[in-house]
Amino acid sequence: MSSQQNHEDFYRKLLGQLHDTSTWPSEYLYKFIVPTDLDKINHIQNVFNNMGAVISTKESRSGNYTSISINVKMKSPEMVIEKYKEVTENVEGVISL
């Protein structure tokens, strides 16, 4: 199975879970881990710019990685998936949790 297929399966499963477990619009907590690189961190933050998101970052003990938590009100499960794709398709080395 290809990596692309794995991603699509993940998003399809997540979409179903979001529809089943939440009433929309709803608060959603995104979590990403990215190699510590100011450009990558800024790019992720810019994806959620002007959405009223509360963003926090924490660098790993070694300083090699940064975790980014983003709490934001989303209108629908489809929009949640759209933002995940926007981050993962444009930021190399990012891990979505």
C-alpha atoms as a PDB file:
ATOM      1  CA  MET A   1       0.000   0.000   0.000  1.00  0.00           C
ATOM      2  CA  SER A   2       1.395   3.409  -0.954  1.00  0.00           C
ATOM      3  CA  SER A   3       2.060   6.247   1.447  1.00  0.00           C
ATOM      4  CA  GLN A   4      -0.577   8.302  -0.397  1.00  0.00           C
ATOM      5  CA  GLN A   5      -3.135   5.524   0.129  1.00  0.00           C
ATOM      6  CA  ASN A   6      -2.240   5.353   3.849  1.00  0.00           C
ATOM      7  CA  HIS A   7      -2.835   9.103   4.168  1.00  0.00           C
ATOM      8  CA  GLU A   8      -6.189   8.897   2.399  1.00  0.00           C
ATOM      9  CA  ASP A   9      -7.268   5.992   4.616  1.00  0.00           C
ATOM     10  CA  PHE A  10      -6.236   7.983   7.707  1.00  0.00           C
ATOM     11  CA  TYR A  11      -8.209  11.048   6.595  1.00  0.00           C
ATOM     12  CA  ARG A  12     -11.282   8.980   5.677  1.00  0.00           C
ATOM     13  CA  LYS A  13     -11.252   7.291   9.110  1.00  0.00           C
ATOM     14  CA  LEU A  14     -10.692  10.609  10.908  1.00  0.00           C
ATOM     15  CA  LEU A  15     -13.528  12.240   8.972  1.00  0.00           C
ATOM     16  CA  GLY A  16     -15.933   9.523  10.107  1.00  0.00           C
ATOM     17  CA  GLN A  17     -14.787   9.816  13.721  1.00  0.00           C
ATOM     18  CA  LEU A  18     -15.166  13.599  13.696  1.00  0.00           C
ATOM     19  CA  HIS A  19     -18.712  13.328  12.319  1.00  0.00           C
ATOM     20  CA  ASP A  20     -19.602  10.709  14.939  1.00  0.00           C
ATOM     21  CA  THR A  21     -18.083  12.331  18.034  1.00  0.00           C
ATOM     22  CA  SER A  22     -18.603  16.084  17.719  1.00  0.00           C
ATOM     23  CA  THR A  23     -21.244  18.672  16.948  1.00  0.00           C
ATOM     24  CA  TRP A  24     -20.043  21.257  14.433  1.00  0.00           C
ATOM     25  CA  PRO A  25     -18.795  23.945  14.569  1.00  0.00           C
ATOM     26  CA  SER A  26     -16.484  22.697  17.310  1.00  0.00           C
ATOM     27  CA  GLU A  27     -13.138  23.340  18.971  1.00  0.00           C
ATOM     28  CA  TYR A  28     -10.382  21.127  17.560  1.00  0.00           C
ATOM     29  CA  LEU A  29      -6.863  20.568  18.857  1.00  0.00           C
ATOM     30  CA  TYR A  30      -4.198  19.992  16.211  1.00  0.00           C
ATOM     31  CA  LYS A  31      -0.815  18.657  17.270  1.00  0.00           C
ATOM     32  CA  PHE A  32       2.237  18.610  15.051  1.00  0.00           C
ATOM     33  CA  ILE A  33       5.882  17.767  15.555  1.00  0.00           C
ATOM     34  CA  VAL A  34       8.353  19.367  13.182  1.00  0.00           C
ATOM     35  CA  PRO A  35      12.137  19.607  12.988  1.00  0.00           C
ATOM     36  CA  THR A  36      13.072  22.858  14.706  1.00  0.00           C
ATOM     37  CA  ASP A  37      13.196  25.286  11.789  1.00  0.00           C
ATOM     38  CA  LEU A  38      11.698  28.759  12.102  1.00  0.00           C
ATOM     39  CA  ASP A  39      10.432  28.731   8.494  1.00  0.00           C
ATOM     40  CA  LYS A  40       8.560  25.444   9.035  1.00  0.00           C
ATOM     41  CA  ILE A  41       7.107  26.603  12.349  1.00  0.00           C
ATOM     42  CA  ASN A  42       6.007  29.917  10.832  1.00  0.00           C
ATOM     43  CA  HIS A  43       4.444  28.145   7.845  1.00  0.00           C
ATOM     44  CA  ILE A  44       2.317  25.968  10.129  1.00  0.00           C
ATOM     45  CA  GLN A  45       1.282  28.982  12.191  1.00  0.00           C
ATOM     46  CA  ASN A  46       0.365  30.896   9.029  1.00  0.00           C
ATOM     47  CA  VAL A  47      -1.991  28.095   7.933  1.00  0.00           C
ATOM     48  CA  PHE A  48      -4.118  28.998  10.976  1.00  0.00           C
ATOM     49  CA  ASN A  49      -3.601  32.773  10.760  1.00  0.00           C
ATOM     50  CA  ASN A  50      -6.721  34.949  11.190  1.00  0.00           C
ATOM     51  CA  MET A  51      -8.790  32.034  12.536  1.00  0.00           C
ATOM     52  CA  GLY A  52      -8.639  32.947  16.221  1.00  0.00           C
ATOM     53  CA  ALA A  53      -6.352  29.991  16.892  1.00  0.00           C
ATOM     54  CA  VAL A  54      -4.476  29.621  20.164  1.00  0.00           C
ATOM     55  CA  ILE A  55      -1.031  28.343  19.214  1.00  0.00           C
ATOM     56  CA  SER A  56       1.648  27.072  21.574  1.00  0.00           C
ATOM     57  CA  THR A  57       5.065  25.670  20.775  1.00  0.00           C
ATOM     58  CA  LYS A  58       7.520  23.689  22.817  1.00  0.00           C
ATOM     59  CA  GLU A  59      11.025  22.772  21.785  1.00  0.00           C
ATOM     60  CA  SER A  60      12.318  19.292  22.608  1.00  0.00           C
ATOM     61  CA  ARG A  61      15.003  18.879  25.233  1.00  0.00           C
ATOM     62  CA  SER A  62      17.638  18.365  22.543  1.00  0.00           C
ATOM     63  CA  GLY A  63      16.299  21.290  20.515  1.00  0.00           C
ATOM     64  CA  ASN A  64      16.013  19.173  17.377  1.00  0.00           C
ATOM     65  CA  TYR A  65      12.206  19.155  17.265  1.00  0.00           C
ATOM     66  CA  THR A  66       9.362  21.498  18.135  1.00  0.00           C
ATOM     67  CA  SER A  67       5.837  20.462  19.058  1.00  0.00           C
ATOM     68  CA  ILE A  68       3.063  22.781  17.958  1.00  0.00           C
ATOM     69  CA  SER A  69      -0.409  22.671  19.513  1.00  0.00           C
ATOM     70  CA  ILE A  70      -3.176  24.620  17.832  1.00  0.00           C
ATOM     71  CA  ASN A  71      -6.613  24.994  19.388  1.00  0.00           C
ATOM     72  CA  VAL A  72      -9.093  26.496  16.970  1.00  0.00           C
ATOM     73  CA  LYS A  73     -12.836  26.509  16.291  1.00  0.00           C
ATOM     74  CA  MET A  74     -13.517  24.673  13.043  1.00  0.00           C
ATOM     75  CA  LYS A  75     -16.760  24.775  11.051  1.00  0.00           C
ATOM     76  CA  SER A  76     -16.806  21.149   9.901  1.00  0.00           C
ATOM     77  CA  PRO A  77     -14.858  17.881   9.885  1.00  0.00           C
ATOM     78  CA  GLU A  78     -14.044  18.521   6.225  1.00  0.00           C
ATOM     79  CA  MET A  79     -12.321  21.779   7.181  1.00  0.00           C
ATOM     80  CA  VAL A  80     -10.293  19.923   9.841  1.00  0.00           C
ATOM     81  CA  ILE A  81      -9.042  17.504   7.179  1.00  0.00           C
ATOM     82  CA  GLU A  82      -8.354  20.376   4.759  1.00  0.00           C
ATOM     83  CA  LYS A  83      -6.037  22.048   7.293  1.00  0.00           C
ATOM     84  CA  TYR A  84      -4.212  18.781   8.016  1.00  0.00           C
ATOM     85  CA  LYS A  85      -3.589  18.347   4.288  1.00  0.00           C
ATOM     86  CA  GLU A  86      -2.464  21.949   3.882  1.00  0.00           C
ATOM     87  CA  VAL A  87       0.163  21.467   6.591  1.00  0.00           C
ATOM     88  CA  THR A  88       1.384  17.997   5.644  1.00  0.00           C
ATOM     89  CA  GLU A  89       1.588  18.755   1.913  1.00  0.00           C
ATOM     90  CA  ASN A  90       3.580  21.965   2.407  1.00  0.00           C
ATOM     91  CA  VAL A  91       5.864  21.343   5.385  1.00  0.00           C
ATOM     92  CA  GLU A  92       8.538  18.704   4.876  1.00  0.00           C
ATOM     93  CA  GLY A  93       9.195  16.420   7.847  1.00  0.00           C
ATOM     94  CA  VAL A  94       6.053  17.316   9.797  1.00  0.00           C
ATOM     95  CA  ILE A  95       4.350  14.636  11.869  1.00  0.00           C
ATOM     96  CA  SER A  96       0.622  14.973  12.602  1.00  0.00           C
ATOM     97  CA  LEU A  97      -0.605  13.570  15.878  1.00  0.00           C
END
